[in-house]
Amino acid sequence: TDNTGEPEQNYILSAQRARAVKDALAARGVPAGRMIAIGYGETEPIADNETEEGRALNRRTTFTWPN
């Protein structure tokens, strides 16, 4: 989530997005018990929030698989 808006609302939005992705994957057969949905709000940007392009990049979902 980018840094537009209030931090608390951004965290809620981020958590909702993460949950929506988990639910979509589960609906397609990925075992829900093997996934954890975590929203980080605006705390982990990968791009500059001062530009529209950067804000768009910060609105993302990241997947991590353990080794």
Protein backbone atom coordinates (compact mmCIF):
# COMPACT_ATOMS: atom_id res chain seq x y z
CA THR A 1 0.00 0.00 0.00
CA ASP A 2 1.27 3.45 -0.78
CA ASN A 3 1.39 6.26 1.78
CA THR A 4 -1.72 8.08 0.57
CA GLY A 5 -4.24 8.33 3.41
CA GLU A 6 -4.04 7.55 7.09
CA PRO A 7 -1.56 4.86 8.23
CA GLU A 8 -4.22 2.91 10.15
CA GLN A 9 -6.55 2.82 7.14
CA ASN A 10 -3.65 1.79 4.90
CA TYR A 11 -2.87 -1.11 7.22
CA ILE A 12 -6.51 -2.25 7.12
CA LEU A 13 -6.59 -1.97 3.32
CA SER A 14 -3.33 -3.90 3.06
CA ALA A 15 -4.64 -6.68 5.29
CA GLN A 16 -7.85 -6.88 3.24
CA ARG A 17 -5.87 -7.13 0.00
CA ALA A 18 -3.68 -9.88 1.42
CA ARG A 19 -6.74 -11.80 2.59
CA ALA A 20 -8.41 -11.42 -0.82
CA VAL A 21 -5.36 -12.89 -2.55
CA LYS A 22 -5.25 -15.80 -0.10
CA ASP A 23 -8.96 -16.47 -0.61
CA ALA A 24 -8.58 -16.35 -4.40
CA LEU A 25 -5.69 -18.81 -4.32
CA ALA A 26 -7.59 -21.10 -1.95
CA ALA A 27 -10.58 -21.03 -4.31
CA ARG A 28 -8.22 -22.27 -7.04
CA GLY A 29 -6.99 -25.21 -4.99
CA VAL A 30 -4.02 -23.92 -3.00
CA PRO A 31 -4.41 -25.32 0.53
CA ALA A 32 -5.43 -22.43 2.79
CA GLY A 33 -3.49 -23.96 5.68
CA ARG A 34 -0.26 -23.52 3.74
CA MET A 35 -0.72 -19.76 3.35
CA ILE A 36 -0.51 -16.81 5.69
CA ALA A 37 -1.93 -13.45 4.63
CA ILE A 38 -0.11 -10.47 6.13
CA GLY A 39 -0.75 -6.82 5.38
CA TYR A 40 2.09 -4.41 6.02
CA GLY A 41 0.33 -1.16 5.21
CA GLU A 42 2.73 1.53 4.11
CA THR A 43 5.69 0.24 6.15
CA GLU A 44 7.62 -1.59 3.39
CA PRO A 45 7.70 0.51 0.22
CA ILE A 46 9.82 -0.63 -2.72
CA ALA A 47 9.55 2.63 -4.63
CA ASP A 48 9.29 6.38 -4.09
CA ASN A 49 5.84 7.40 -2.83
CA GLU A 50 6.39 10.91 -4.23
CA THR A 51 5.49 9.78 -7.76
CA GLU A 52 2.37 8.09 -9.13
CA GLU A 53 4.54 5.36 -10.63
CA GLY A 54 6.18 4.72 -7.27
CA ARG A 55 2.85 4.64 -5.45
CA ALA A 56 1.54 2.15 -8.02
CA LEU A 57 4.56 -0.10 -7.43
CA ASN A 58 3.96 0.04 -3.68
CA ARG A 59 0.42 -1.29 -4.10
CA ARG A 60 1.51 -4.89 -4.50
CA THR A 61 1.28 -8.44 -3.23
CA THR A 62 4.41 -10.45 -2.46
CA PHE A 63 4.63 -14.23 -2.19
CA THR A 64 7.31 -16.01 -0.18
CA TRP A 65 7.94 -19.75 -0.11
CA PRO A 66 10.02 -21.35 2.64
CA ASN A 67 12.96 -23.49 1.54
